[in-house]
Protein backbone atom coordinates (compact mmCIF):
# COMPACT_ATOMS: atom_id res chain seq x y z
CA MET A 1 -6.50 -18.56 -30.51
CA ILE A 2 -7.92 -15.81 -28.27
CA ASP A 3 -11.34 -14.34 -29.01
CA LEU A 4 -11.61 -10.84 -27.52
CA ARG A 5 -15.08 -9.45 -26.81
CA GLN A 6 -16.00 -5.91 -25.83
CA GLU A 7 -18.70 -5.00 -23.28
CA ASP A 8 -20.17 -8.49 -22.90
CA PHE A 9 -21.30 -8.10 -19.29
CA LYS A 10 -22.41 -11.70 -18.80
CA ALA A 11 -18.93 -12.94 -19.73
CA PHE A 12 -17.29 -10.16 -17.71
CA PHE A 13 -19.09 -11.23 -14.54
CA GLU A 14 -18.33 -14.93 -15.09
CA ALA A 15 -14.66 -14.39 -15.97
CA PRO A 16 -13.04 -14.72 -12.50
CA PHE A 17 -15.15 -17.77 -11.62
CA SER A 18 -14.01 -19.40 -14.86
CA ALA A 19 -10.39 -18.25 -14.64
CA TYR A 20 -9.72 -19.05 -10.98
CA GLY A 21 -11.93 -22.02 -10.17
CA PRO A 22 -14.12 -22.70 -7.11
CA ASP A 23 -11.37 -22.88 -4.48
CA ASP A 24 -9.75 -19.49 -5.10
CA LEU A 25 -10.03 -16.81 -2.40
CA TYR A 26 -11.22 -14.14 -4.86
CA VAL A 27 -14.70 -12.79 -4.04
CA SER A 28 -16.76 -11.01 -6.66
CA PRO A 29 -18.98 -7.99 -6.00
CA MET A 30 -22.69 -8.68 -6.31
CA LYS A 31 -23.61 -9.10 -9.96
CA SER A 32 -26.17 -6.27 -9.78
CA ASP A 33 -23.62 -3.91 -8.17
CA LEU A 34 -20.96 -4.71 -10.74
CA GLN A 35 -23.43 -4.08 -13.55
CA ARG A 36 -24.39 -0.65 -12.30
CA PHE A 37 -20.74 0.30 -11.60
CA LEU A 38 -19.93 -0.44 -15.25
CA SER A 39 -22.94 1.43 -16.61
CA LYS A 40 -21.91 4.71 -18.24
CA THR A 41 -25.50 5.93 -18.01
CA ARG A 42 -26.04 5.06 -14.33
CA ASN A 43 -22.62 5.60 -12.73
CA PRO A 44 -22.15 9.35 -12.09
CA LEU A 45 -18.38 8.91 -12.43
CA PHE A 46 -18.91 8.77 -16.21
CA LYS A 47 -21.33 11.65 -16.64
CA GLY A 48 -18.61 14.19 -17.42
CA LYS A 49 -15.43 13.78 -19.45
CA SER A 50 -14.63 10.33 -18.06
CA ASP A 51 -15.12 7.21 -20.17
CA LEU A 52 -15.03 3.43 -19.78
CA THR A 53 -15.07 0.17 -21.68
CA TYR A 54 -14.32 -3.45 -20.81
CA PHE A 55 -13.12 -6.62 -22.50
CA THR A 56 -13.18 -10.38 -21.96
CA ALA A 57 -10.82 -13.02 -23.38
CA HIS A 58 -12.12 -16.38 -24.58
CA ARG A 59 -10.59 -19.56 -25.99
CA GLY A 60 -13.31 -21.77 -27.37
CA ASN A 61 -16.03 -22.01 -24.74
CA GLN A 62 -13.75 -20.99 -21.85
CA ILE A 63 -13.67 -17.46 -20.47
CA LEU A 64 -10.05 -16.79 -19.57
CA GLY A 65 -10.11 -13.26 -18.21
CA ARG A 66 -11.39 -9.70 -18.17
CA ILE A 67 -10.26 -6.09 -17.84
CA THR A 68 -11.72 -2.58 -17.74
CA ALA A 69 -10.12 0.48 -19.33
CA HIS A 70 -11.25 3.93 -18.31
CA VAL A 71 -10.40 7.58 -18.00
CA HIS A 72 -10.99 9.32 -14.67
CA ALA A 73 -10.90 12.86 -15.98
CA GLU A 74 -11.22 14.55 -12.58
CA SER A 75 -8.20 12.61 -11.24
CA ASN A 76 -6.12 13.43 -14.31
CA GLU A 77 -6.98 17.11 -13.96
CA ALA A 78 -6.39 17.19 -10.20
CA TYR A 79 -2.92 15.61 -10.47
CA GLU A 80 -2.02 17.06 -13.89
CA VAL A 81 -1.40 13.67 -15.48
CA ASN A 82 -2.42 12.15 -18.80
CA GLN A 83 -3.09 8.54 -17.93
CA ALA A 84 -5.62 5.78 -18.45
CA TYR A 85 -6.66 3.33 -15.77
CA PHE A 86 -7.25 -0.39 -15.96
CA GLY A 87 -9.25 -2.37 -13.43
CA TYR A 88 -10.87 -5.69 -12.65
CA PHE A 89 -7.90 -7.43 -14.26
CA ASP A 90 -8.71 -11.06 -13.53
CA CYS A 91 -7.12 -13.70 -15.72
CA ALA A 92 -6.12 -17.34 -15.81
CA ASP A 93 -2.38 -18.02 -15.64
CA ASP A 94 -2.21 -17.63 -19.39
CA ASP A 95 0.20 -15.15 -21.02
CA GLU A 96 -1.63 -15.15 -24.35
CA ALA A 97 -4.95 -14.22 -22.73
CA ALA A 98 -3.33 -11.62 -20.47
CA LYS A 99 -1.53 -10.02 -23.43
CA ALA A 100 -4.77 -9.84 -25.43
CA LEU A 101 -6.58 -8.11 -22.57
CA LEU A 102 -3.78 -5.69 -21.73
CA ASP A 103 -3.17 -4.88 -25.39
CA ALA A 104 -6.88 -4.07 -25.81
CA ALA A 105 -6.83 -1.71 -22.82
CA GLU A 106 -3.62 -0.09 -24.06
CA ARG A 107 -4.96 0.43 -27.60
CA TRP A 108 -8.12 2.00 -26.15
CA ALA A 109 -5.96 4.38 -24.11
CA GLN A 110 -3.64 5.22 -26.99
CA ALA A 111 -6.60 6.06 -29.22
CA ARG A 112 -7.49 8.76 -26.67
CA GLY A 113 -3.99 10.21 -26.60
CA LEU A 114 -3.13 8.99 -23.09
CA ALA A 115 0.53 8.60 -22.15
CA SER A 116 0.40 5.74 -19.65
CA ILE A 117 -1.92 3.21 -18.07
CA VAL A 118 -2.07 2.24 -14.37
CA GLY A 119 -4.15 -0.13 -12.25
CA ASN A 120 -5.96 -1.91 -10.80
CA TYR A 121 -8.51 0.80 -10.13
CA ASN A 122 -11.95 -0.68 -9.50
CA LEU A 123 -12.83 2.10 -10.41
CA THR A 124 -11.39 4.91 -8.23
CA ALA A 125 -8.93 5.28 -5.37
CA MET A 126 -11.89 5.25 -2.94
CA GLN A 127 -12.87 1.79 -4.13
CA GLN A 128 -10.67 -1.27 -4.58
CA ILE A 129 -7.22 -0.47 -5.95
CA GLY A 130 -4.00 -2.34 -6.56
CA VAL A 131 -2.75 -5.84 -7.25
CA VAL A 132 -1.84 -8.21 -4.43
CA THR A 133 1.88 -9.01 -4.40
CA SER A 134 2.11 -11.02 -1.15
CA GLY A 135 -0.17 -12.39 1.55
CA PHE A 136 -2.08 -14.52 -0.95
CA GLU A 137 -3.01 -17.06 1.72
CA HIS A 138 -5.25 -14.58 3.58
CA PRO A 139 -8.94 -14.35 2.61
CA PRO A 140 -9.88 -10.77 1.69
CA TYR A 141 -12.50 -8.68 3.45
CA THR A 142 -15.19 -6.66 1.70
CA ASP A 143 -13.67 -3.75 -0.25
CA LEU A 144 -10.17 -5.26 -0.14
CA VAL A 145 -8.77 -6.11 -3.54
CA TYR A 146 -7.58 -9.68 -4.01
CA SER A 147 -5.70 -11.37 -6.82
CA PRO A 148 -3.93 -14.76 -6.95
CA PRO A 149 -0.12 -14.98 -7.18
CA HIS A 150 0.14 -15.19 -10.96
CA ILE A 151 -1.61 -11.86 -11.68
CA HIS A 152 1.26 -9.55 -10.76
CA LYS A 153 3.63 -11.85 -12.67
CA LEU A 154 1.48 -11.60 -15.80
CA LEU A 155 1.63 -7.81 -15.53
CA GLU A 156 5.39 -7.77 -15.02
CA ARG A 157 5.96 -10.06 -18.02
CA ALA A 158 3.81 -7.67 -20.07
CA GLY A 159 6.09 -4.73 -19.22
CA TYR A 160 4.22 -3.23 -16.24
CA GLN A 161 6.18 -1.85 -13.29
CA PRO A 162 5.03 -1.84 -9.63
CA GLU A 163 4.60 1.46 -7.78
CA PHE A 164 2.74 3.04 -4.86
CA PRO A 165 3.16 0.22 -2.29
CA MET A 166 0.28 -0.34 0.13
CA THR A 167 -0.71 -2.72 2.91
CA THR A 168 -4.04 -3.99 4.15
CA PHE A 169 -4.40 -5.00 7.79
CA GLU A 170 -6.34 -7.22 10.14
CA THR A 171 -7.02 -6.76 13.86
CA ARG A 172 -7.95 -9.95 15.70
CA PHE A 173 -10.04 -9.68 18.84
CA ASP A 174 -8.62 -12.77 20.51
CA ASP A 175 -7.31 -13.30 24.04
CA SER A 176 -4.15 -11.35 23.24
CA TYR A 177 -6.03 -8.25 22.02
CA ARG A 178 -5.85 -5.17 24.20
CA ALA A 179 -7.82 -2.06 23.34
CA MET A 180 -5.85 1.18 23.04
CA GLU A 181 -5.94 3.04 26.34
CA LEU A 182 -7.63 6.43 26.50
CA GLY A 183 -5.16 9.08 27.58
CA PRO A 184 -6.06 12.40 29.23
CA ALA A 185 -6.54 14.25 25.92
CA LYS A 186 -9.04 11.70 24.66
CA LYS A 187 -10.91 11.69 27.97
CA ASP A 188 -11.11 15.49 27.77
CA ILE A 189 -12.89 15.16 24.43
CA LEU A 190 -15.37 12.70 25.92
CA ASN A 191 -16.09 15.09 28.76
CA ASP A 192 -16.38 18.18 26.55
CA PRO A 193 -20.09 19.00 25.97
CA ASP A 194 -19.19 20.58 22.60
CA PHE A 195 -18.39 17.07 21.29
CA GLU A 196 -21.16 14.55 20.74
CA PHE A 197 -21.42 11.22 18.99
CA ALA A 198 -24.25 11.50 16.46
CA PRO A 199 -26.83 8.69 16.52
CA ILE A 200 -26.60 6.06 13.79
CA ASN A 201 -29.79 4.13 13.16
CA THR A 202 -32.21 3.35 10.35
CA ARG A 203 -33.82 6.77 10.62
CA THR A 204 -30.57 8.77 10.65
CA ILE A 205 -28.39 6.70 8.29
CA ALA A 206 -28.79 9.08 5.32
CA ASP A 207 -27.70 12.07 7.43
CA ARG A 208 -24.74 10.16 8.89
CA LEU A 209 -23.55 9.07 5.45
CA GLU A 210 -23.65 12.67 4.26
CA ASP A 211 -21.69 13.63 7.40
CA ALA A 212 -19.18 10.92 6.54
CA ARG A 213 -18.82 12.21 2.96
CA ALA A 214 -18.10 15.74 4.19
CA ILE A 215 -15.49 14.42 6.63
CA LEU A 216 -13.96 12.22 3.92
CA ASN A 217 -13.51 15.13 1.52
CA ALA A 218 -12.04 17.39 4.21
CA SER A 219 -9.74 14.84 5.84
CA PHE A 220 -8.42 13.19 2.67
CA ALA A 221 -7.90 16.42 0.70
CA THR A 222 -4.09 16.17 0.73
CA ASN A 223 -3.85 12.37 0.50
CA PRO A 224 -2.23 10.92 -2.64
CA GLN A 225 -4.71 9.48 -5.16
CA PHE A 226 -7.70 11.25 -3.60
CA VAL A 227 -10.30 13.14 -5.63
CA PRO A 228 -13.23 14.79 -3.79
CA VAL A 229 -16.33 12.62 -3.94
CA THR A 230 -19.54 14.30 -5.05
CA GLU A 231 -22.78 13.67 -3.21
CA GLU A 232 -24.14 11.81 -6.23
CA GLU A 233 -21.06 9.56 -6.51
CA TYR A 234 -20.92 8.83 -2.78
CA HIS A 235 -24.54 7.81 -2.50
CA PHE A 236 -24.33 5.80 -5.72
CA GLN A 237 -21.50 3.76 -4.21
CA SER A 238 -23.17 3.42 -0.80
CA LYS A 239 -26.63 2.73 -2.23
CA ASP A 240 -27.34 -0.35 -0.08
CA MET A 241 -25.39 0.73 3.02
CA LYS A 242 -28.47 1.00 5.25
CA TRP A 243 -29.22 -2.70 4.71
CA ILE A 244 -25.74 -3.95 5.53
CA MET A 245 -24.47 -1.55 8.21
CA ASP A 246 -24.32 -2.58 11.82
CA PRO A 247 -24.92 0.79 13.59
CA ARG A 248 -22.97 -0.39 16.62
CA ILE A 249 -19.61 -0.47 14.84
CA SER A 250 -19.44 2.91 13.07
CA ALA A 251 -19.08 6.31 14.70
CA VAL A 252 -19.62 9.93 13.63
CA LEU A 253 -18.43 12.69 15.96
CA HIS A 254 -19.93 16.19 15.93
CA HIS A 255 -18.41 19.36 17.38
CA ARG A 256 -20.98 22.03 18.09
CA GLY A 257 -23.40 20.29 15.78
CA LYS A 258 -21.00 19.93 12.82
CA PRO A 259 -19.43 16.63 11.65
CA VAL A 260 -15.70 16.51 12.42
CA ALA A 261 -14.64 12.86 12.54
CA CYS A 262 -15.91 9.41 11.60
CA ILE A 263 -15.05 5.77 11.27
CA ILE A 264 -17.19 3.81 8.84
CA CYS A 265 -17.21 0.06 9.41
CA ILE A 266 -19.47 -2.62 8.02
CA PRO A 267 -19.79 -6.36 8.58
CA ASP A 268 -17.64 -8.31 6.15
CA LEU A 269 -19.96 -9.51 3.38
CA ASN A 270 -17.48 -11.81 1.65
CA PRO A 271 -18.64 -15.00 3.43
CA LEU A 272 -22.19 -14.23 2.27
CA LEU A 273 -21.08 -13.43 -1.30
CA GLN A 274 -19.16 -16.70 -1.48
CA LYS A 275 -22.26 -18.63 -0.37
CA VAL A 276 -24.49 -17.10 -3.05
CA ARG A 277 -21.74 -16.74 -5.71
CA SER A 278 -22.49 -13.00 -5.77
CA ARG A 279 -25.91 -13.55 -7.31
CA MET A 280 -29.37 -12.49 -6.13
CA GLY A 281 -31.10 -15.88 -6.33
CA TRP A 282 -34.14 -17.30 -4.54
CA SER A 283 -32.00 -18.45 -1.59
CA PHE A 284 -30.38 -15.04 -1.02
CA PRO A 285 -32.80 -13.85 1.75
CA PHE A 286 -32.13 -17.03 3.75
CA HIS A 287 -28.35 -16.73 3.41
CA PHE A 288 -28.51 -13.02 4.21
CA LEU A 289 -30.43 -13.72 7.44
CA MET A 290 -27.99 -16.46 8.46
CA HIS A 291 -25.08 -14.13 7.76
CA ARG A 292 -26.56 -11.41 9.99
CA LEU A 293 -26.94 -13.90 12.82
CA ARG A 294 -23.44 -15.37 12.49
CA ARG A 295 -21.24 -12.52 11.28
CA LYS A 296 -17.84 -12.53 12.97
CA ARG A 297 -15.74 -10.31 10.69
CA ALA A 298 -16.00 -6.56 10.17
CA VAL A 299 -14.11 -4.21 7.88
CA LEU A 300 -13.05 -0.61 8.42
CA ILE A 301 -13.83 1.15 5.13
CA TYR A 302 -12.27 4.47 6.09
CA SER A 303 -11.67 6.85 8.96
CA GLY A 304 -11.27 10.61 8.82
CA VAL A 305 -10.77 13.67 11.00
CA ILE A 306 -11.11 17.23 9.72
CA PRO A 307 -7.70 18.97 9.44
CA GLU A 308 -8.33 21.34 12.37
CA LEU A 309 -8.57 18.41 14.81
CA GLN A 310 -5.93 16.08 13.40
CA GLY A 311 -3.12 15.06 15.74
CA GLN A 312 -5.23 15.62 18.86
CA GLY A 313 -6.21 12.03 19.57
CA VAL A 314 -9.65 12.19 17.96
CA ASN A 315 -9.09 9.29 15.57
CA SER A 316 -7.70 7.13 18.38
CA LEU A 317 -10.78 7.92 20.45
CA LEU A 318 -13.07 6.78 17.64
CA LEU A 319 -10.99 3.64 17.08
CA HIS A 320 -11.30 2.81 20.76
CA ARG A 321 -15.06 3.28 20.55
CA VAL A 322 -15.64 1.12 17.48
CA THR A 323 -13.21 -1.68 18.38
CA THR A 324 -14.73 -1.91 21.86
CA ALA A 325 -18.16 -2.07 20.23
CA MET A 326 -16.99 -4.83 17.90
CA CYS A 327 -15.70 -6.89 20.81
CA ASP A 328 -18.94 -6.37 22.75
CA ALA A 329 -20.97 -7.38 19.67
CA GLY A 330 -19.05 -10.62 19.23
CA TYR A 331 -16.92 -9.76 16.22
CA GLU A 332 -13.69 -11.74 16.10
CA SER A 333 -11.68 -9.65 13.64
CA CYS A 334 -11.64 -6.43 11.62
CA GLY A 335 -9.99 -5.85 8.26
CA ASN A 336 -8.67 -2.49 7.10
CA THR A 337 -8.57 -1.23 3.52
CA TRP A 338 -5.29 -0.13 1.94
CA ILE A 339 -2.86 2.22 3.64
CA SER A 340 0.04 3.56 1.58
CA ASP A 341 3.63 3.31 2.77
CA SER A 342 3.77 7.11 2.79
CA ASN A 343 1.09 7.38 5.50
CA LYS A 344 3.48 6.91 8.43
CA ALA A 345 1.10 8.23 11.11
CA ILE A 346 -1.68 5.74 10.34
CA LEU A 347 0.83 2.90 9.98
CA ARG A 348 2.15 3.68 13.49
CA GLN A 349 -1.41 3.73 14.79
CA LYS A 350 -2.10 0.30 13.29
CA GLU A 351 1.01 -1.04 14.97
CA LYS A 352 -0.08 0.38 18.35
CA MET A 353 -3.51 -1.21 18.11
CA GLY A 354 -2.05 -4.63 17.30
CA ALA A 355 -3.11 -4.79 13.65
CA ILE A 356 -1.13 -7.26 11.56
CA PRO A 357 -0.33 -6.96 7.83
CA LEU A 358 -2.73 -8.91 5.65
CA HIS A 359 -1.87 -8.25 2.00
CA ARG A 360 0.91 -6.35 0.30
CA VAL A 361 -0.51 -4.41 -2.65
CA HIS A 362 0.94 -2.36 -5.52
CA LEU A 363 -0.30 -0.38 -8.47
CA TYR A 364 1.15 -1.39 -11.84
CA ARG A 365 2.03 1.12 -14.57
CA LYS A 366 3.14 1.01 -18.18
CA SER A 367 4.19 3.89 -20.42
CA LEU A 368 2.36 4.02 -23.73
CA GLU A 369 4.43 6.75 -25.34
CA ALA A 370 7.08 4.46 -26.85
CA ALA A 371 4.36 2.38 -28.52
CA THR A 372 2.58 5.31 -30.23
């Protein structure tokens, strides 16, 4: 017998720990971050027409799983669709529990007149998206979605179909790694006084993040799934960035004083989150300090070049700069968030720089029209 509960945050946070056990590779966001992401009063994503709820599945005293259901109104309007989104679908290998959670999300969507439901979205395309369908043996980096092998099977048995294939990548800075060479065009940019790398430090971090948001919105404008990110949303999501960034491994390029390109990288926090079980306890400051001293993995959150400069070697120049900086700083590897199969140019670039596939990821969709 499944007991379904709505908006019980304590159970929602505990669900993956209970469902997967201590040895699973899944890594939870910090409890405090997850709580504010799911807050309809604090998260600016839900200040307009968008809406959200979440459910947990229980059998006796055991928490078996969780799911969010939400409407991203701006995305639906931008792409002229009428769909709901599910996210944070974490569940034991239990068809009854999975069906209860998915049915709850579907009923919530149907009550709002939505024609289909798709996920995972945790909670937008600029955060974690998708369900892992292969590469389960590889530990995820920060901001990379991870799910054990049974999750996509639960979805498929419940009538969900895979779509929008993506891949995450890893670059290893071992003895075989060779940095991309700088060709004449890239050297010309370095020697052009109109181009300048903007300083990234504690004093300038707010300005650089706003630069990065402007570049993100300009460079991703035609990308599938993308919705422009407001200043309020961006800084809500990057609230603690100044505490976790390593200024050496990100880059923002200006042209005549205006931001034109960036690569935003951070140290991988997952080893730290695993140590503290994603909770802010009394031992957190100690573990945080040890992590800063020993960090060996970084993650590329996103890179962008304004449309006017795309295809001119600017992104390769920035990649060369940040990967060289990572090597010099002692990082041993760098993960890369999802890249869709349709993004052939970036996939070729990853191949050239020696990145290897980490996880195969898909969205999963189900039509709700037949069930109405």
